[in-house]
Amino acid sequence: MNVKFVLNDYVLIWNLLFQASVNPEIHAFKQKLWKNYRNCYQEMYQEQMNLLKDPKNYIPPDDTIDDMLKKTDFYKKLYEETEEFRLSLMQTWDQHKKTIQALLKELLRVDVKLYHVLVVHPRLDVVGMETVKGKKVNTITWGKKNKNASSLEVLVDILSSILKKELQNYHVECHEIVDGIIELVIDNELYTRLAGTSQYLRGDPALSFLKKQIYPYFLMYLGASKEDCLNYMMRDKIAFDLDFYTFEKDLAHVDLYTFIDFCIRNQKKIIKISRLEIQ
């Protein structure tokens, strides 16, 4: 997997105008547009899919509003802050790129192509994973930052969102299992190896119990021996009785898609395990 962080004027402007207002100035600007340029404003909203299809070469049918916004001092400040955010993400990626790519190759065993992360202002609180027909480049829009999170944690969140987008149409009927496995791979195991301490408490609380049930099979997927499983359990503070499980050695040699298929195919066996067996 490779990632490129991109700041695109049109993507930033569209999100500033049609997501929640990040400051009083942009709110007042939007009210002015609605009052004086309503038709143009509505047409601009409908351009999202055309914009995301090819952001680099996008030409708006009418750039009146874009030009108005670019001339304001508050937009220039928001642009600078967004660029600072982009640079911090890029620097973190560059710092950990080789390690992450090696770990992803080991954990995914599938190739994920280049993704452009279209960076927007973090106060927008946006994670956009729209599916656009005819899109030339794989993209997600990212404008989300937890003030208490490290740059590495934010990067892990981005990688998790990228993998969710890659798999968003894979076994849609069992999306909770797919999402749970993605969290185990990226939010938990990848981040644990990067951070040096267990990160198995991270993730959607609604998936917590499901993930604990998949966890023994996930260790088999990682290639853990029965002896290794004890070390993993101590590391992650997740306990289960190995004697209750058939050790699926072949899982250590399959890719992520095949592991998901296995979990879905055997979900009745996996999910019926008593809540008391895994703590």
C-alpha atoms as a PDB file:
ATOM      1  CA  MET A   1       0.000   0.000   0.000  1.00  0.00           C
ATOM      2  CA  ASN A   2       1.214   3.479  -0.823  1.00  0.00           C
ATOM      3  CA  VAL A   3      -0.357   6.761   0.268  1.00  0.00           C
ATOM      4  CA  LYS A   4      -0.082  10.285  -1.092  1.00  0.00           C
ATOM      5  CA  PHE A   5      -1.433  13.272   0.842  1.00  0.00           C
ATOM      6  CA  VAL A   6      -2.984  15.920  -1.398  1.00  0.00           C
ATOM      7  CA  LEU A   7      -4.406  19.381  -0.728  1.00  0.00           C
ATOM      8  CA  ASN A   8      -6.805  20.358  -3.508  1.00  0.00           C
ATOM      9  CA  ASP A   9      -8.406  23.825  -3.519  1.00  0.00           C
ATOM     10  CA  TYR A  10     -11.700  22.659  -4.990  1.00  0.00           C
ATOM     11  CA  VAL A  11     -12.050  19.720  -2.581  1.00  0.00           C
ATOM     12  CA  LEU A  12     -11.280  21.973   0.389  1.00  0.00           C
ATOM     13  CA  ILE A  13     -13.707  24.652  -0.808  1.00  0.00           C
ATOM     14  CA  TRP A  14     -16.529  22.175  -1.448  1.00  0.00           C
ATOM     15  CA  ASN A  15     -16.189  20.740   2.056  1.00  0.00           C
ATOM     16  CA  LEU A  16     -15.970  24.173   3.690  1.00  0.00           C
ATOM     17  CA  LEU A  17     -19.156  25.217   1.921  1.00  0.00           C
ATOM     18  CA  PHE A  18     -21.242  22.074   2.337  1.00  0.00           C
ATOM     19  CA  GLN A  19     -20.079  20.516   5.603  1.00  0.00           C
ATOM     20  CA  ALA A  20     -20.661  21.970   9.076  1.00  0.00           C
ATOM     21  CA  SER A  21     -19.229  25.487   9.412  1.00  0.00           C
ATOM     22  CA  VAL A  22     -15.814  25.522  11.068  1.00  0.00           C
ATOM     23  CA  ASN A  23     -16.000  29.200  12.128  1.00  0.00           C
ATOM     24  CA  PRO A  24     -18.434  32.180  12.152  1.00  0.00           C
ATOM     25  CA  GLU A  25     -16.853  33.688   9.024  1.00  0.00           C
ATOM     26  CA  ILE A  26     -17.523  30.691   6.810  1.00  0.00           C
ATOM     27  CA  HIS A  27     -21.048  30.435   8.253  1.00  0.00           C
ATOM     28  CA  ALA A  28     -21.775  34.049   7.344  1.00  0.00           C
ATOM     29  CA  PHE A  29     -20.259  33.516   3.898  1.00  0.00           C
ATOM     30  CA  LYS A  30     -22.572  30.560   3.245  1.00  0.00           C
ATOM     31  CA  GLN A  31     -25.602  32.581   4.325  1.00  0.00           C
ATOM     32  CA  LYS A  32     -24.572  35.312   1.896  1.00  0.00           C
ATOM     33  CA  LEU A  33     -24.258  32.782  -0.919  1.00  0.00           C
ATOM     34  CA  TRP A  34     -27.686  31.349  -0.178  1.00  0.00           C
ATOM     35  CA  LYS A  35     -29.211  34.821  -0.263  1.00  0.00           C
ATOM     36  CA  ASN A  36     -27.435  36.237  -3.325  1.00  0.00           C
ATOM     37  CA  TYR A  37     -26.110  33.289  -5.363  1.00  0.00           C
ATOM     38  CA  ARG A  38     -28.589  30.531  -4.579  1.00  0.00           C
ATOM     39  CA  ASN A  39     -28.690  28.868  -8.010  1.00  0.00           C
ATOM     40  CA  CYS A  40     -24.923  28.893  -8.364  1.00  0.00           C
ATOM     41  CA  TYR A  41     -24.558  27.575  -4.812  1.00  0.00           C
ATOM     42  CA  GLN A  42     -26.978  24.696  -5.448  1.00  0.00           C
ATOM     43  CA  GLU A  43     -25.265  23.791  -8.721  1.00  0.00           C
ATOM     44  CA  MET A  44     -21.938  23.758  -6.935  1.00  0.00           C
ATOM     45  CA  TYR A  45     -23.284  21.265  -4.390  1.00  0.00           C
ATOM     46  CA  GLN A  46     -24.260  18.907  -7.209  1.00  0.00           C
ATOM     47  CA  GLU A  47     -20.699  18.966  -8.571  1.00  0.00           C
ATOM     48  CA  GLN A  48     -19.278  16.767  -5.797  1.00  0.00           C
ATOM     49  CA  MET A  49     -19.145  13.556  -7.828  1.00  0.00           C
ATOM     50  CA  ASN A  50     -17.613  15.289 -10.847  1.00  0.00           C
ATOM     51  CA  LEU A  51     -15.025  16.850  -8.558  1.00  0.00           C
ATOM     52  CA  LEU A  52     -14.107  13.575  -6.872  1.00  0.00           C
ATOM     53  CA  LYS A  53     -13.907  11.746 -10.182  1.00  0.00           C
ATOM     54  CA  ASP A  54     -10.667  13.544 -11.063  1.00  0.00           C
ATOM     55  CA  PRO A  55      -9.770  16.293  -8.531  1.00  0.00           C
ATOM     56  CA  LYS A  56      -6.397  17.081 -10.089  1.00  0.00           C
ATOM     57  CA  ASN A  57      -7.884  17.989 -13.475  1.00  0.00           C
ATOM     58  CA  TYR A  58     -11.265  19.257 -12.317  1.00  0.00           C
ATOM     59  CA  ILE A  59     -12.546  22.454 -13.938  1.00  0.00           C
ATOM     60  CA  PRO A  60     -15.714  23.922 -12.377  1.00  0.00           C
ATOM     61  CA  PRO A  61     -18.513  24.963 -14.746  1.00  0.00           C
ATOM     62  CA  ASP A  62     -18.665  28.266 -12.871  1.00  0.00           C
ATOM     63  CA  ASP A  63     -15.849  29.421 -10.585  1.00  0.00           C
ATOM     64  CA  THR A  64     -17.545  32.577  -9.293  1.00  0.00           C
ATOM     65  CA  ILE A  65     -17.976  31.271  -5.760  1.00  0.00           C
ATOM     66  CA  ASP A  66     -14.531  29.644  -5.692  1.00  0.00           C
ATOM     67  CA  ASP A  67     -12.892  32.942  -6.617  1.00  0.00           C
ATOM     68  CA  MET A  68     -14.925  34.855  -4.036  1.00  0.00           C
ATOM     69  CA  LEU A  69     -13.919  32.505  -1.250  1.00  0.00           C
ATOM     70  CA  LYS A  70     -10.244  32.365  -2.221  1.00  0.00           C
ATOM     71  CA  LYS A  71      -9.983  36.152  -1.853  1.00  0.00           C
ATOM     72  CA  THR A  72     -11.107  36.134   1.786  1.00  0.00           C
ATOM     73  CA  ASP A  73      -8.592  36.284   4.630  1.00  0.00           C
ATOM     74  CA  PHE A  74     -10.356  33.532   6.565  1.00  0.00           C
ATOM     75  CA  TYR A  75     -10.043  31.110   3.635  1.00  0.00           C
ATOM     76  CA  LYS A  76      -6.326  31.861   3.308  1.00  0.00           C
ATOM     77  CA  LYS A  77      -5.906  31.079   7.016  1.00  0.00           C
ATOM     78  CA  LEU A  78      -7.929  27.848   6.747  1.00  0.00           C
ATOM     79  CA  TYR A  79      -5.885  26.832   3.705  1.00  0.00           C
ATOM     80  CA  GLU A  80      -2.625  27.397   5.608  1.00  0.00           C
ATOM     81  CA  GLU A  81      -3.884  25.359   8.570  1.00  0.00           C
ATOM     82  CA  THR A  82      -4.947  22.565   6.233  1.00  0.00           C
ATOM     83  CA  GLU A  83      -1.522  22.581   4.592  1.00  0.00           C
ATOM     84  CA  GLU A  84       0.121  22.308   8.018  1.00  0.00           C
ATOM     85  CA  PHE A  85      -2.128  19.342   8.786  1.00  0.00           C
ATOM     86  CA  ARG A  86      -1.253  17.724   5.443  1.00  0.00           C
ATOM     87  CA  LEU A  87       2.466  18.165   6.054  1.00  0.00           C
ATOM     88  CA  SER A  88       2.232  16.598   9.526  1.00  0.00           C
ATOM     89  CA  LEU A  89       0.466  13.554   8.043  1.00  0.00           C
ATOM     90  CA  MET A  90       2.971  13.312   5.192  1.00  0.00           C
ATOM     91  CA  GLN A  91       5.936  13.561   7.555  1.00  0.00           C
ATOM     92  CA  THR A  92       4.537  10.826   9.799  1.00  0.00           C
ATOM     93  CA  TRP A  93       3.932   8.610   6.763  1.00  0.00           C
ATOM     94  CA  ASP A  94       7.442   9.219   5.425  1.00  0.00           C
ATOM     95  CA  GLN A  95       8.916   8.431   8.849  1.00  0.00           C
ATOM     96  CA  HIS A  96       7.105   5.091   9.198  1.00  0.00           C
ATOM     97  CA  LYS A  97       6.483   4.215   5.542  1.00  0.00           C
ATOM     98  CA  LYS A  98       8.937   1.325   5.150  1.00  0.00           C
ATOM     99  CA  THR A  99       7.917  -0.302   8.421  1.00  0.00           C
ATOM    100  CA  ILE A 100       4.195   0.087   7.707  1.00  0.00           C
ATOM    101  CA  GLN A 101       4.462  -1.254   4.174  1.00  0.00           C
ATOM    102  CA  ALA A 102       6.387  -4.306   5.389  1.00  0.00           C
ATOM    103  CA  LEU A 103       3.839  -4.943   8.152  1.00  0.00           C
ATOM    104  CA  LEU A 104       0.882  -4.489   5.800  1.00  0.00           C
ATOM    105  CA  LYS A 105       2.408  -6.955   3.365  1.00  0.00           C
ATOM    106  CA  GLU A 106       2.683  -9.468   6.210  1.00  0.00           C
ATOM    107  CA  LEU A 107      -0.782  -8.783   7.656  1.00  0.00           C
ATOM    108  CA  LEU A 108      -2.865  -8.305   4.490  1.00  0.00           C
ATOM    109  CA  ARG A 109      -1.109 -10.573   1.972  1.00  0.00           C
ATOM    110  CA  VAL A 110      -2.925  -8.657  -0.775  1.00  0.00           C
ATOM    111  CA  ASP A 111      -1.858  -5.640  -2.786  1.00  0.00           C
ATOM    112  CA  VAL A 112      -3.627  -2.342  -2.106  1.00  0.00           C
ATOM    113  CA  LYS A 113      -2.919   0.227  -4.801  1.00  0.00           C
ATOM    114  CA  LEU A 114      -1.916   3.856  -4.350  1.00  0.00           C
ATOM    115  CA  TYR A 115      -4.440   5.989  -2.484  1.00  0.00           C
ATOM    116  CA  HIS A 116      -4.672   9.765  -2.612  1.00  0.00           C
ATOM    117  CA  VAL A 117      -5.772  11.162   0.734  1.00  0.00           C
ATOM    118  CA  LEU A 118      -7.568  14.423  -0.073  1.00  0.00           C
ATOM    119  CA  VAL A 119      -6.761  16.413   3.049  1.00  0.00           C
ATOM    120  CA  VAL A 120      -9.287  19.002   4.240  1.00  0.00           C
ATOM    121  CA  HIS A 121      -9.339  21.113   7.399  1.00  0.00           C
ATOM    122  CA  PRO A 122      -9.339  18.872  10.522  1.00  0.00           C
ATOM    123  CA  ARG A 123     -12.116  20.882  12.186  1.00  0.00           C
ATOM    124  CA  LEU A 124     -14.472  19.713   9.433  1.00  0.00           C
ATOM    125  CA  ASP A 125     -14.494  16.269  11.083  1.00  0.00           C
ATOM    126  CA  VAL A 126     -14.856  14.583   7.683  1.00  0.00           C
ATOM    127  CA  VAL A 127     -14.018  11.087   6.481  1.00  0.00           C
ATOM    128  CA  GLY A 128     -15.307  10.768   2.921  1.00  0.00           C
ATOM    129  CA  MET A 129     -15.296   7.364   1.211  1.00  0.00           C
ATOM    130  CA  GLU A 130     -17.735   8.011  -1.616  1.00  0.00           C
ATOM    131  CA  THR A 131     -17.853   5.562  -4.493  1.00  0.00           C
ATOM    132  CA  VAL A 132     -17.569   7.458  -7.779  1.00  0.00           C
ATOM    133  CA  LYS A 133     -17.940   5.797 -11.176  1.00  0.00           C
ATOM    134  CA  GLY A 134     -15.121   6.561 -13.581  1.00  0.00           C
ATOM    135  CA  LYS A 135     -12.752   7.731 -10.847  1.00  0.00           C
ATOM    136  CA  LYS A 136      -9.164   7.788 -12.143  1.00  0.00           C
ATOM    137  CA  VAL A 137      -7.406   7.470  -8.769  1.00  0.00           C
ATOM    138  CA  ASN A 138      -8.346   5.733  -5.527  1.00  0.00           C
ATOM    139  CA  THR A 139      -9.162   8.478  -3.014  1.00  0.00           C
ATOM    140  CA  ILE A 140     -10.574   9.198   0.403  1.00  0.00           C
ATOM    141  CA  THR A 141     -11.252  12.625   1.882  1.00  0.00           C
ATOM    142  CA  TRP A 142      -9.776  13.154   5.340  1.00  0.00           C
ATOM    143  CA  GLY A 143     -10.360  16.056   7.696  1.00  0.00           C
ATOM    144  CA  LYS A 144     -10.501  14.518  11.133  1.00  0.00           C
ATOM    145  CA  LYS A 145      -8.123  14.886  14.025  1.00  0.00           C
ATOM    146  CA  ASN A 146      -8.462  13.910  17.658  1.00  0.00           C
ATOM    147  CA  LYS A 147      -6.605  16.534  19.698  1.00  0.00           C
ATOM    148  CA  ASN A 148      -5.416  13.830  22.085  1.00  0.00           C
ATOM    149  CA  ALA A 149      -4.226  11.494  19.313  1.00  0.00           C
ATOM    150  CA  SER A 150      -0.632  11.265  18.114  1.00  0.00           C
ATOM    151  CA  SER A 151       0.184  11.720  14.440  1.00  0.00           C
ATOM    152  CA  LEU A 152       0.873   7.980  14.237  1.00  0.00           C
ATOM    153  CA  GLU A 153      -2.563   7.175  15.668  1.00  0.00           C
ATOM    154  CA  VAL A 154      -4.209   9.464  13.114  1.00  0.00           C
ATOM    155  CA  LEU A 155      -2.248   7.723  10.364  1.00  0.00           C
ATOM    156  CA  VAL A 156      -3.473   4.317  11.595  1.00  0.00           C
ATOM    157  CA  ASP A 157      -7.052   5.649  11.464  1.00  0.00           C
ATOM    158  CA  ILE A 158      -6.467   6.729   7.859  1.00  0.00           C
ATOM    159  CA  LEU A 159      -5.074   3.309   6.895  1.00  0.00           C
ATOM    160  CA  SER A 160      -8.075   1.649   8.549  1.00  0.00           C
ATOM    161  CA  SER A 161     -10.450   3.876   6.548  1.00  0.00           C
ATOM    162  CA  ILE A 162      -8.594   3.051   3.329  1.00  0.00           C
ATOM    163  CA  LEU A 163      -8.958  -0.672   3.953  1.00  0.00           C
ATOM    164  CA  LYS A 164     -12.650  -0.212   4.813  1.00  0.00           C
ATOM    165  CA  LYS A 165     -13.131   1.532   1.489  1.00  0.00           C
ATOM    166  CA  GLU A 166     -11.296  -1.264  -0.334  1.00  0.00           C
ATOM    167  CA  LEU A 167     -13.655  -3.801   1.246  1.00  0.00           C
ATOM    168  CA  GLN A 168     -16.863  -1.764   1.397  1.00  0.00           C
ATOM    169  CA  ASN A 169     -18.529  -3.946  -1.250  1.00  0.00           C
ATOM    170  CA  TYR A 170     -17.070  -7.239  -0.018  1.00  0.00           C
ATOM    171  CA  HIS A 171     -19.642  -9.457   1.749  1.00  0.00           C
ATOM    172  CA  VAL A 172     -21.936  -6.507   2.419  1.00  0.00           C
ATOM    173  CA  GLU A 173     -24.400  -8.851   4.104  1.00  0.00           C
ATOM    174  CA  CYS A 174     -21.757  -9.612   6.759  1.00  0.00           C
ATOM    175  CA  HIS A 175     -20.275  -6.129   7.070  1.00  0.00           C
ATOM    176  CA  GLU A 176     -19.826  -6.396  10.857  1.00  0.00           C
ATOM    177  CA  ILE A 177     -17.508  -9.380  10.454  1.00  0.00           C
ATOM    178  CA  VAL A 178     -15.582  -7.562   7.702  1.00  0.00           C
ATOM    179  CA  ASP A 179     -15.300  -4.386   9.797  1.00  0.00           C
ATOM    180  CA  GLY A 180     -14.246  -6.382  12.848  1.00  0.00           C
ATOM    181  CA  ILE A 181     -11.457  -8.112  10.939  1.00  0.00           C
ATOM    182  CA  ILE A 182     -10.259  -4.792   9.500  1.00  0.00           C
ATOM    183  CA  GLU A 183     -10.019  -3.430  13.028  1.00  0.00           C
ATOM    184  CA  LEU A 184      -8.108  -6.503  14.197  1.00  0.00           C
ATOM    185  CA  VAL A 185      -5.621  -6.095  11.344  1.00  0.00           C
ATOM    186  CA  ILE A 186      -5.094  -2.313  11.333  1.00  0.00           C
ATOM    187  CA  ASP A 187      -6.415  -0.661  14.502  1.00  0.00           C
ATOM    188  CA  ASN A 188      -5.211  -3.461  16.755  1.00  0.00           C
ATOM    189  CA  GLU A 189      -2.358  -5.611  15.400  1.00  0.00           C
ATOM    190  CA  LEU A 190      -0.672  -3.094  13.078  1.00  0.00           C
ATOM    191  CA  TYR A 191      -0.867  -0.330  15.662  1.00  0.00           C
ATOM    192  CA  THR A 192       0.334  -2.670  18.414  1.00  0.00           C
ATOM    193  CA  ARG A 193       3.463  -3.476  16.422  1.00  0.00           C
ATOM    194  CA  LEU A 194       4.072   0.193  15.612  1.00  0.00           C
ATOM    195  CA  ALA A 195       3.446   1.451  19.144  1.00  0.00           C
ATOM    196  CA  GLY A 196       5.194  -1.389  20.972  1.00  0.00           C
ATOM    197  CA  THR A 197       2.265  -1.894  23.366  1.00  0.00           C
ATOM    198  CA  SER A 198      -1.061  -3.662  22.898  1.00  0.00           C
ATOM    199  CA  GLN A 199      -3.750  -1.591  21.195  1.00  0.00           C
ATOM    200  CA  TYR A 200      -6.497  -4.211  21.331  1.00  0.00           C
ATOM    201  CA  LEU A 201      -8.853  -1.898  23.240  1.00  0.00           C
ATOM    202  CA  ARG A 202      -9.077   0.397  20.191  1.00  0.00           C
ATOM    203  CA  GLY A 203     -12.024   0.330  17.843  1.00  0.00           C
ATOM    204  CA  ASP A 204     -15.795   0.453  17.684  1.00  0.00           C
ATOM    205  CA  PRO A 205     -17.234  -0.743  21.040  1.00  0.00           C
ATOM    206  CA  ALA A 206     -20.119  -2.377  19.140  1.00  0.00           C
ATOM    207  CA  LEU A 207     -17.599  -4.748  17.511  1.00  0.00           C
ATOM    208  CA  SER A 208     -15.709  -5.595  20.691  1.00  0.00           C
ATOM    209  CA  PHE A 209     -17.422  -8.905  21.521  1.00  0.00           C
ATOM    210  CA  LEU A 210     -17.379 -10.084  17.897  1.00  0.00           C
ATOM    211  CA  LYS A 211     -13.661  -9.309  17.620  1.00  0.00           C
ATOM    212  CA  LYS A 212     -12.907 -11.294  20.771  1.00  0.00           C
ATOM    213  CA  GLN A 213     -14.653 -14.296  19.242  1.00  0.00           C
ATOM    214  CA  ILE A 214     -12.692 -13.974  16.000  1.00  0.00           C
ATOM    215  CA  TYR A 215      -9.439 -13.314  17.897  1.00  0.00           C
ATOM    216  CA  PRO A 216      -8.353 -16.990  18.358  1.00  0.00           C
ATOM    217  CA  TYR A 217      -8.706 -17.591  14.610  1.00  0.00           C
ATOM    218  CA  PHE A 218      -6.983 -14.278  13.891  1.00  0.00           C
ATOM    219  CA  LEU A 219      -3.961 -15.525  15.847  1.00  0.00           C
ATOM    220  CA  MET A 220      -3.984 -18.636  13.657  1.00  0.00           C
ATOM    221  CA  TYR A 221      -4.088 -16.316  10.621  1.00  0.00           C
ATOM    222  CA  LEU A 222      -1.043 -14.508  12.022  1.00  0.00           C
ATOM    223  CA  GLY A 223       0.748 -17.857  12.105  1.00  0.00           C
ATOM    224  CA  ALA A 224       0.899 -18.163  15.891  1.00  0.00           C
ATOM    225  CA  SER A 225       1.653 -21.586  17.325  1.00  0.00           C
ATOM    226  CA  LYS A 226      -0.250 -22.833  20.362  1.00  0.00           C
ATOM    227  CA  GLU A 227       2.641 -21.649  22.518  1.00  0.00           C
ATOM    228  CA  ASP A 228       2.644 -18.239  20.786  1.00  0.00           C
ATOM    229  CA  CYS A 229      -1.079 -17.852  21.483  1.00  0.00           C
ATOM    230  CA  LEU A 230      -0.379 -17.736  25.209  1.00  0.00           C
ATOM    231  CA  ASN A 231       2.047 -14.842  24.701  1.00  0.00           C
ATOM    232  CA  TYR A 232      -0.476 -12.988  22.531  1.00  0.00           C
ATOM    233  CA  MET A 233      -3.182 -13.494  25.156  1.00  0.00           C
ATOM    234  CA  MET A 234      -0.924 -12.070  27.866  1.00  0.00           C
ATOM    235  CA  ARG A 235       0.053  -9.148  25.636  1.00  0.00           C
ATOM    236  CA  ASP A 236      -3.511  -8.244  24.667  1.00  0.00           C
ATOM    237  CA  LYS A 237      -5.224  -9.291  27.923  1.00  0.00           C
ATOM    238  CA  ILE A 238      -7.670 -11.477  25.982  1.00  0.00           C
ATOM    239  CA  ALA A 239      -8.003 -15.001  27.399  1.00  0.00           C
ATOM    240  CA  PHE A 240      -9.510 -18.073  25.784  1.00  0.00           C
ATOM    241  CA  ASP A 241      -9.206 -21.840  26.226  1.00  0.00           C
ATOM    242  CA  LEU A 242      -7.203 -23.295  23.333  1.00  0.00           C
ATOM    243  CA  ASP A 243      -8.658 -26.743  23.986  1.00  0.00           C
ATOM    244  CA  PHE A 244     -12.044 -25.525  22.711  1.00  0.00           C
ATOM    245  CA  TYR A 245     -10.627 -24.718  19.249  1.00  0.00           C
ATOM    246  CA  THR A 246      -9.552 -26.767  16.262  1.00  0.00           C
ATOM    247  CA  PHE A 247      -6.154 -25.349  15.322  1.00  0.00           C
ATOM    248  CA  GLU A 248      -6.524 -24.198  11.710  1.00  0.00           C
ATOM    249  CA  LYS A 249      -2.889 -24.235  10.549  1.00  0.00           C
ATOM    250  CA  ASP A 250      -3.820 -23.434   6.939  1.00  0.00           C
ATOM    251  CA  LEU A 251      -5.007 -19.946   7.954  1.00  0.00           C
ATOM    252  CA  ALA A 252      -1.377 -18.889   8.299  1.00  0.00           C
ATOM    253  CA  HIS A 253      -0.985 -19.229   4.525  1.00  0.00           C
ATOM    254  CA  VAL A 254      -4.095 -17.453   3.218  1.00  0.00           C
ATOM    255  CA  ASP A 255      -4.664 -13.802   2.340  1.00  0.00           C
ATOM    256  CA  LEU A 256      -7.038 -11.388   4.052  1.00  0.00           C
ATOM    257  CA  TYR A 257      -9.925 -12.074   1.675  1.00  0.00           C
ATOM    258  CA  THR A 258      -9.680 -15.811   2.258  1.00  0.00           C
ATOM    259  CA  PHE A 259      -9.558 -15.283   6.016  1.00  0.00           C
ATOM    260  CA  ILE A 260     -12.718 -13.156   5.835  1.00  0.00           C
ATOM    261  CA  ASP A 261     -14.363 -15.887   3.732  1.00  0.00           C
ATOM    262  CA  PHE A 262     -13.378 -18.465   6.370  1.00  0.00           C
ATOM    263  CA  CYS A 263     -14.873 -16.416   9.219  1.00  0.00           C
ATOM    264  CA  ILE A 264     -18.110 -15.809   7.332  1.00  0.00           C
ATOM    265  CA  ARG A 265     -18.388 -19.432   6.237  1.00  0.00           C
ATOM    266  CA  ASN A 266     -17.840 -20.603   9.815  1.00  0.00           C
ATOM    267  CA  GLN A 267     -19.601 -17.783  11.616  1.00  0.00           C
ATOM    268  CA  LYS A 268     -22.089 -20.097  13.325  1.00  0.00           C
ATOM    269  CA  LYS A 269     -19.203 -21.987  14.914  1.00  0.00           C
ATOM    270  CA  ILE A 270     -17.288 -18.809  15.771  1.00  0.00           C
ATOM    271  CA  ILE A 271     -20.088 -16.620  17.089  1.00  0.00           C
ATOM    272  CA  LYS A 272     -21.904 -19.257  19.132  1.00  0.00           C
ATOM    273  CA  ILE A 273     -18.932 -19.541  21.509  1.00  0.00           C
ATOM    274  CA  SER A 274     -20.044 -18.749  25.038  1.00  0.00           C
ATOM    275  CA  ARG A 275     -19.348 -15.234  26.274  1.00  0.00           C
ATOM    276  CA  LEU A 276     -17.707 -16.874  29.312  1.00  0.00           C
ATOM    277  CA  GLU A 277     -14.982 -18.536  27.277  1.00  0.00           C
ATOM    278  CA  ILE A 278     -13.299 -15.325  26.136  1.00  0.00           C
ATOM    279  CA  GLN A 279     -12.643 -12.520  28.612  1.00  0.00           C
END
